[in-house]
Amino acid sequence: MHQIKLNKLQTIQNGFSLIELLVVIAIIGILASIGTVGYQNYMDGTKYKTTTVNREMVARKINNDKAGQDANMRDSKSCYDYIVEDIIGGEDDIHDNAYNSSDNQSWVNGHQTTEFDQGQHLIYCARPAETFDPINSAIMICSCAIEEGCVAGGAVCPNPVAFP
């Protein structure tokens, strides 16, 4: 029987080296960080768009009420009552706050506060005690899309929609 002697420099390699494994882990980490940032940007854009769409849906409702001069609008309801009963009360359960799922209040009555949080809309009448007139009642909607929260009052109203 002959023994085959292998040169000391010749070795048989099994598996991956530590360096190869570290390179693969580094590449996976870089790809994961890029994906996380991209996903966060996507989510921020979606939340902003949802907040905008919610505001536009209520703006359309107000415009439809104004254009149609609905018979329900002629029942001596004040502008304040129209906001509370027909807008906030009628829409609140289908328009959740896009930024804060634990805070399902998307609409805030602007006659009770001027501070509102990210994802919320503040809505108020210029003359809340007046009888609501679909044509002449001035209504303002302010939408908040910044993390610090918003304050509305006077000329300061982020992302306003006005109905003269």
C-alpha atoms as a PDB file:
ATOM      1  CA  MET A   1       0.000   0.000   0.000  1.00  0.00           C
ATOM      2  CA  HIS A   2       1.228   3.349  -0.931  1.00  0.00           C
ATOM      3  CA  GLN A   3       0.488   6.397   1.069  1.00  0.00           C
ATOM      4  CA  ILE A   4      -0.112   9.561  -0.822  1.00  0.00           C
ATOM      5  CA  LYS A   5       1.592  12.445   0.833  1.00  0.00           C
ATOM      6  CA  LEU A   6      -0.003  15.815   0.353  1.00  0.00           C
ATOM      7  CA  ASN A   7       2.085  18.905   0.383  1.00  0.00           C
ATOM      8  CA  LYS A   8       1.715  20.920   3.587  1.00  0.00           C
ATOM      9  CA  LEU A   9       0.346  23.859   1.555  1.00  0.00           C
ATOM     10  CA  GLN A  10      -2.371  21.813  -0.013  1.00  0.00           C
ATOM     11  CA  THR A  11      -5.449  21.586   2.198  1.00  0.00           C
ATOM     12  CA  ILE A  12      -9.036  20.735   1.510  1.00  0.00           C
ATOM     13  CA  GLN A  13     -11.428  23.599   2.407  1.00  0.00           C
ATOM     14  CA  ASN A  14     -14.872  22.819   3.805  1.00  0.00           C
ATOM     15  CA  GLY A  15     -17.501  25.562   4.442  1.00  0.00           C
ATOM     16  CA  PHE A  16     -17.149  29.349   4.375  1.00  0.00           C
ATOM     17  CA  SER A  17     -14.497  31.444   6.003  1.00  0.00           C
ATOM     18  CA  LEU A  18     -15.342  33.980   8.682  1.00  0.00           C
ATOM     19  CA  ILE A  19     -14.553  36.871   6.327  1.00  0.00           C
ATOM     20  CA  GLU A  20     -16.988  35.587   3.705  1.00  0.00           C
ATOM     21  CA  LEU A  21     -19.751  35.294   6.292  1.00  0.00           C
ATOM     22  CA  LEU A  22     -19.090  38.824   7.602  1.00  0.00           C
ATOM     23  CA  VAL A  23     -19.252  40.257   4.079  1.00  0.00           C
ATOM     24  CA  VAL A  24     -22.618  38.577   3.462  1.00  0.00           C
ATOM     25  CA  ILE A  25     -23.994  39.847   6.784  1.00  0.00           C
ATOM     26  CA  ALA A  26     -22.792  43.397   5.997  1.00  0.00           C
ATOM     27  CA  ILE A  27     -24.521  43.328   2.605  1.00  0.00           C
ATOM     28  CA  ILE A  28     -27.755  42.099   4.154  1.00  0.00           C
ATOM     29  CA  GLY A  29     -27.545  44.880   6.780  1.00  0.00           C
ATOM     30  CA  ILE A  30     -27.084  47.563   4.125  1.00  0.00           C
ATOM     31  CA  LEU A  31     -30.023  46.273   2.085  1.00  0.00           C
ATOM     32  CA  ALA A  32     -32.221  46.123   5.198  1.00  0.00           C
ATOM     33  CA  SER A  33     -31.397  49.711   6.180  1.00  0.00           C
ATOM     34  CA  ILE A  34     -32.185  50.989   2.678  1.00  0.00           C
ATOM     35  CA  GLY A  35     -35.477  49.089   2.693  1.00  0.00           C
ATOM     36  CA  THR A  36     -36.451  50.417   6.125  1.00  0.00           C
ATOM     37  CA  VAL A  37     -35.876  54.044   5.114  1.00  0.00           C
ATOM     38  CA  GLY A  38     -37.801  53.551   1.873  1.00  0.00           C
ATOM     39  CA  TYR A  39     -40.696  51.898   3.684  1.00  0.00           C
ATOM     40  CA  GLN A  40     -40.842  54.695   6.287  1.00  0.00           C
ATOM     41  CA  ASN A  41     -40.953  57.328   3.531  1.00  0.00           C
ATOM     42  CA  TYR A  42     -43.743  55.363   1.852  1.00  0.00           C
ATOM     43  CA  MET A  43     -45.740  55.182   5.106  1.00  0.00           C
ATOM     44  CA  ASP A  44     -45.293  58.919   5.797  1.00  0.00           C
ATOM     45  CA  GLY A  45     -46.515  59.764   2.302  1.00  0.00           C
ATOM     46  CA  THR A  46     -49.510  57.451   2.671  1.00  0.00           C
ATOM     47  CA  LYS A  47     -50.506  58.965   6.008  1.00  0.00           C
ATOM     48  CA  TYR A  48     -50.251  62.495   4.602  1.00  0.00           C
ATOM     49  CA  LYS A  49     -52.326  61.519   1.559  1.00  0.00           C
ATOM     50  CA  THR A  50     -54.958  59.848   3.763  1.00  0.00           C
ATOM     51  CA  THR A  51     -55.231  62.995   5.881  1.00  0.00           C
ATOM     52  CA  THR A  52     -55.625  65.089   2.726  1.00  0.00           C
ATOM     53  CA  VAL A  53     -58.265  62.755   1.252  1.00  0.00           C
ATOM     54  CA  ASN A  54     -60.263  62.766   4.514  1.00  0.00           C
ATOM     55  CA  ARG A  55     -60.255  66.572   4.485  1.00  0.00           C
ATOM     56  CA  GLU A  56     -61.290  66.673   0.824  1.00  0.00           C
ATOM     57  CA  MET A  57     -64.173  64.232   1.418  1.00  0.00           C
ATOM     58  CA  VAL A  58     -65.658  66.464   4.095  1.00  0.00           C
ATOM     59  CA  ALA A  59     -65.003  69.533   1.937  1.00  0.00           C
ATOM     60  CA  ARG A  60     -67.020  67.845  -0.830  1.00  0.00           C
ATOM     61  CA  LYS A  61     -69.825  67.118   1.634  1.00  0.00           C
ATOM     62  CA  ILE A  62     -69.938  70.765   2.656  1.00  0.00           C
ATOM     63  CA  ASN A  63     -69.875  71.847  -0.996  1.00  0.00           C
ATOM     64  CA  ASN A  64     -72.687  69.399  -1.799  1.00  0.00           C
ATOM     65  CA  ASP A  65     -74.715  70.743   1.128  1.00  0.00           C
ATOM     66  CA  LYS A  66     -74.100  74.276  -0.114  1.00  0.00           C
ATOM     67  CA  ALA A  67     -74.864  73.440  -3.747  1.00  0.00           C
ATOM     68  CA  GLY A  68     -77.938  71.361  -2.978  1.00  0.00           C
ATOM     69  CA  GLN A  69     -79.253  73.646  -0.276  1.00  0.00           C
ATOM     70  CA  ASP A  70     -80.581  70.522   1.339  1.00  0.00           C
ATOM     71  CA  ALA A  71     -83.976  70.785   3.061  1.00  0.00           C
ATOM     72  CA  ASN A  72     -82.354  69.488   6.265  1.00  0.00           C
ATOM     73  CA  MET A  73     -80.207  72.614   6.297  1.00  0.00           C
ATOM     74  CA  ARG A  74     -83.251  74.870   6.680  1.00  0.00           C
ATOM     75  CA  ASP A  75     -84.320  73.654  10.125  1.00  0.00           C
ATOM     76  CA  SER A  76     -82.961  76.679  12.040  1.00  0.00           C
ATOM     77  CA  LYS A  77     -79.786  74.803  12.910  1.00  0.00           C
ATOM     78  CA  SER A  78     -76.857  76.989  13.920  1.00  0.00           C
ATOM     79  CA  CYS A  79     -73.575  76.732  12.038  1.00  0.00           C
ATOM     80  CA  TYR A  80     -72.071  75.257  15.226  1.00  0.00           C
ATOM     81  CA  ASP A  81     -74.770  72.543  15.340  1.00  0.00           C
ATOM     82  CA  TYR A  82     -74.223  71.783  11.649  1.00  0.00           C
ATOM     83  CA  ILE A  83     -70.517  71.209  12.355  1.00  0.00           C
ATOM     84  CA  VAL A  84     -71.146  69.048  15.443  1.00  0.00           C
ATOM     85  CA  GLU A  85     -74.083  66.981  14.168  1.00  0.00           C
ATOM     86  CA  ASP A  86     -73.610  66.715  10.414  1.00  0.00           C
ATOM     87  CA  ILE A  87     -69.839  66.856   9.966  1.00  0.00           C
ATOM     88  CA  ILE A  88     -68.077  65.646  13.123  1.00  0.00           C
ATOM     89  CA  GLY A  89     -70.846  63.341  14.333  1.00  0.00           C
ATOM     90  CA  GLY A  90     -71.664  61.987  10.900  1.00  0.00           C
ATOM     91  CA  GLU A  91     -68.127  61.369   9.644  1.00  0.00           C
ATOM     92  CA  ASP A  92     -66.030  60.583  12.726  1.00  0.00           C
ATOM     93  CA  ASP A  93     -66.461  56.820  12.741  1.00  0.00           C
ATOM     94  CA  ILE A  94     -65.327  56.343   9.127  1.00  0.00           C
ATOM     95  CA  HIS A  95     -62.356  58.737   9.087  1.00  0.00           C
ATOM     96  CA  ASP A  96     -59.797  57.570  11.625  1.00  0.00           C
ATOM     97  CA  ASN A  97     -56.641  59.500  12.394  1.00  0.00           C
ATOM     98  CA  ALA A  98     -54.056  58.235   9.878  1.00  0.00           C
ATOM     99  CA  TYR A  99     -51.079  59.087  12.101  1.00  0.00           C
ATOM    100  CA  ASN A 100     -52.310  57.734  15.407  1.00  0.00           C
ATOM    101  CA  SER A 101     -54.421  54.579  15.373  1.00  0.00           C
ATOM    102  CA  SER A 102     -55.147  54.802  19.115  1.00  0.00           C
ATOM    103  CA  ASP A 103     -56.659  58.269  18.598  1.00  0.00           C
ATOM    104  CA  ASN A 104     -59.635  57.568  16.365  1.00  0.00           C
ATOM    105  CA  GLN A 105     -60.800  61.172  16.507  1.00  0.00           C
ATOM    106  CA  SER A 106     -59.992  62.671  13.150  1.00  0.00           C
ATOM    107  CA  TRP A 107     -62.205  65.765  13.462  1.00  0.00           C
ATOM    108  CA  VAL A 108     -61.885  68.395  16.180  1.00  0.00           C
ATOM    109  CA  ASN A 109     -64.494  71.033  16.932  1.00  0.00           C
ATOM    110  CA  GLY A 110     -62.727  74.363  16.437  1.00  0.00           C
ATOM    111  CA  HIS A 111     -65.207  76.111  18.693  1.00  0.00           C
ATOM    112  CA  GLN A 112     -63.894  74.204  21.704  1.00  0.00           C
ATOM    113  CA  THR A 113     -60.127  74.261  21.068  1.00  0.00           C
ATOM    114  CA  THR A 114     -57.540  75.726  18.743  1.00  0.00           C
ATOM    115  CA  GLU A 115     -54.976  72.960  19.325  1.00  0.00           C
ATOM    116  CA  PHE A 116     -55.038  69.726  17.386  1.00  0.00           C
ATOM    117  CA  ASP A 117     -52.671  66.867  16.710  1.00  0.00           C
ATOM    118  CA  GLN A 118     -51.005  65.337  13.688  1.00  0.00           C
ATOM    119  CA  GLY A 119     -53.583  63.702  11.431  1.00  0.00           C
ATOM    120  CA  GLN A 120     -56.497  65.681  12.841  1.00  0.00           C
ATOM    121  CA  HIS A 121     -58.649  68.327  11.191  1.00  0.00           C
ATOM    122  CA  LEU A 122     -59.988  71.357  13.000  1.00  0.00           C
ATOM    123  CA  ILE A 123     -63.283  72.667  11.631  1.00  0.00           C
ATOM    124  CA  TYR A 124     -65.163  75.768  12.670  1.00  0.00           C
ATOM    125  CA  CYS A 125     -67.611  78.448  11.548  1.00  0.00           C
ATOM    126  CA  ALA A 126     -66.743  82.116  11.318  1.00  0.00           C
ATOM    127  CA  ARG A 127     -70.046  82.949  13.043  1.00  0.00           C
ATOM    128  CA  PRO A 128     -71.052  79.807  15.003  1.00  0.00           C
ATOM    129  CA  ALA A 129     -74.222  81.188  16.599  1.00  0.00           C
ATOM    130  CA  GLU A 130     -75.787  82.253  13.288  1.00  0.00           C
ATOM    131  CA  THR A 131     -78.413  80.054  11.716  1.00  0.00           C
ATOM    132  CA  PHE A 132     -76.655  77.809   9.238  1.00  0.00           C
ATOM    133  CA  ASP A 133     -77.122  78.991   5.677  1.00  0.00           C
ATOM    134  CA  PRO A 134     -75.595  76.649   3.087  1.00  0.00           C
ATOM    135  CA  ILE A 135     -74.800  79.572   0.816  1.00  0.00           C
ATOM    136  CA  ASN A 136     -73.480  82.235   3.176  1.00  0.00           C
ATOM    137  CA  SER A 137     -72.091  80.477   6.280  1.00  0.00           C
ATOM    138  CA  ALA A 138     -68.290  80.684   6.328  1.00  0.00           C
ATOM    139  CA  ILE A 139     -66.626  77.424   7.379  1.00  0.00           C
ATOM    140  CA  MET A 140     -62.882  76.752   7.744  1.00  0.00           C
ATOM    141  CA  ILE A 141     -61.102  73.391   7.843  1.00  0.00           C
ATOM    142  CA  CYS A 142     -57.468  73.190   9.001  1.00  0.00           C
ATOM    143  CA  SER A 143     -55.462  69.964   8.628  1.00  0.00           C
ATOM    144  CA  CYS A 144     -52.401  69.094  10.697  1.00  0.00           C
ATOM    145  CA  ALA A 145     -49.640  66.942   9.196  1.00  0.00           C
ATOM    146  CA  ILE A 146     -46.698  67.897  11.427  1.00  0.00           C
ATOM    147  CA  GLU A 147     -45.477  65.921  14.439  1.00  0.00           C
ATOM    148  CA  GLU A 148     -45.435  68.834  16.875  1.00  0.00           C
ATOM    149  CA  GLY A 149     -49.176  69.381  16.540  1.00  0.00           C
ATOM    150  CA  CYS A 150     -50.892  72.493  15.263  1.00  0.00           C
ATOM    151  CA  VAL A 151     -52.560  75.607  16.573  1.00  0.00           C
ATOM    152  CA  ALA A 152     -55.218  77.386  14.572  1.00  0.00           C
ATOM    153  CA  GLY A 153     -56.518  80.852  15.086  1.00  0.00           C
ATOM    154  CA  GLY A 154     -56.704  84.061  13.152  1.00  0.00           C
ATOM    155  CA  ALA A 155     -54.540  83.848  10.066  1.00  0.00           C
ATOM    156  CA  VAL A 156     -52.696  80.692  11.211  1.00  0.00           C
ATOM    157  CA  CYS A 157     -54.322  77.579   9.808  1.00  0.00           C
ATOM    158  CA  PRO A 158     -52.176  74.801   8.349  1.00  0.00           C
ATOM    159  CA  ASN A 159     -53.467  73.409   5.034  1.00  0.00           C
ATOM    160  CA  PRO A 160     -56.687  75.457   5.076  1.00  0.00           C
ATOM    161  CA  VAL A 161     -59.856  74.869   3.097  1.00  0.00           C
ATOM    162  CA  ALA A 162     -62.307  77.762   3.321  1.00  0.00           C
ATOM    163  CA  PHE A 163     -65.968  77.870   2.362  1.00  0.00           C
ATOM    164  CA  PRO A 164     -67.147  81.451   2.046  1.00  0.00           C
END
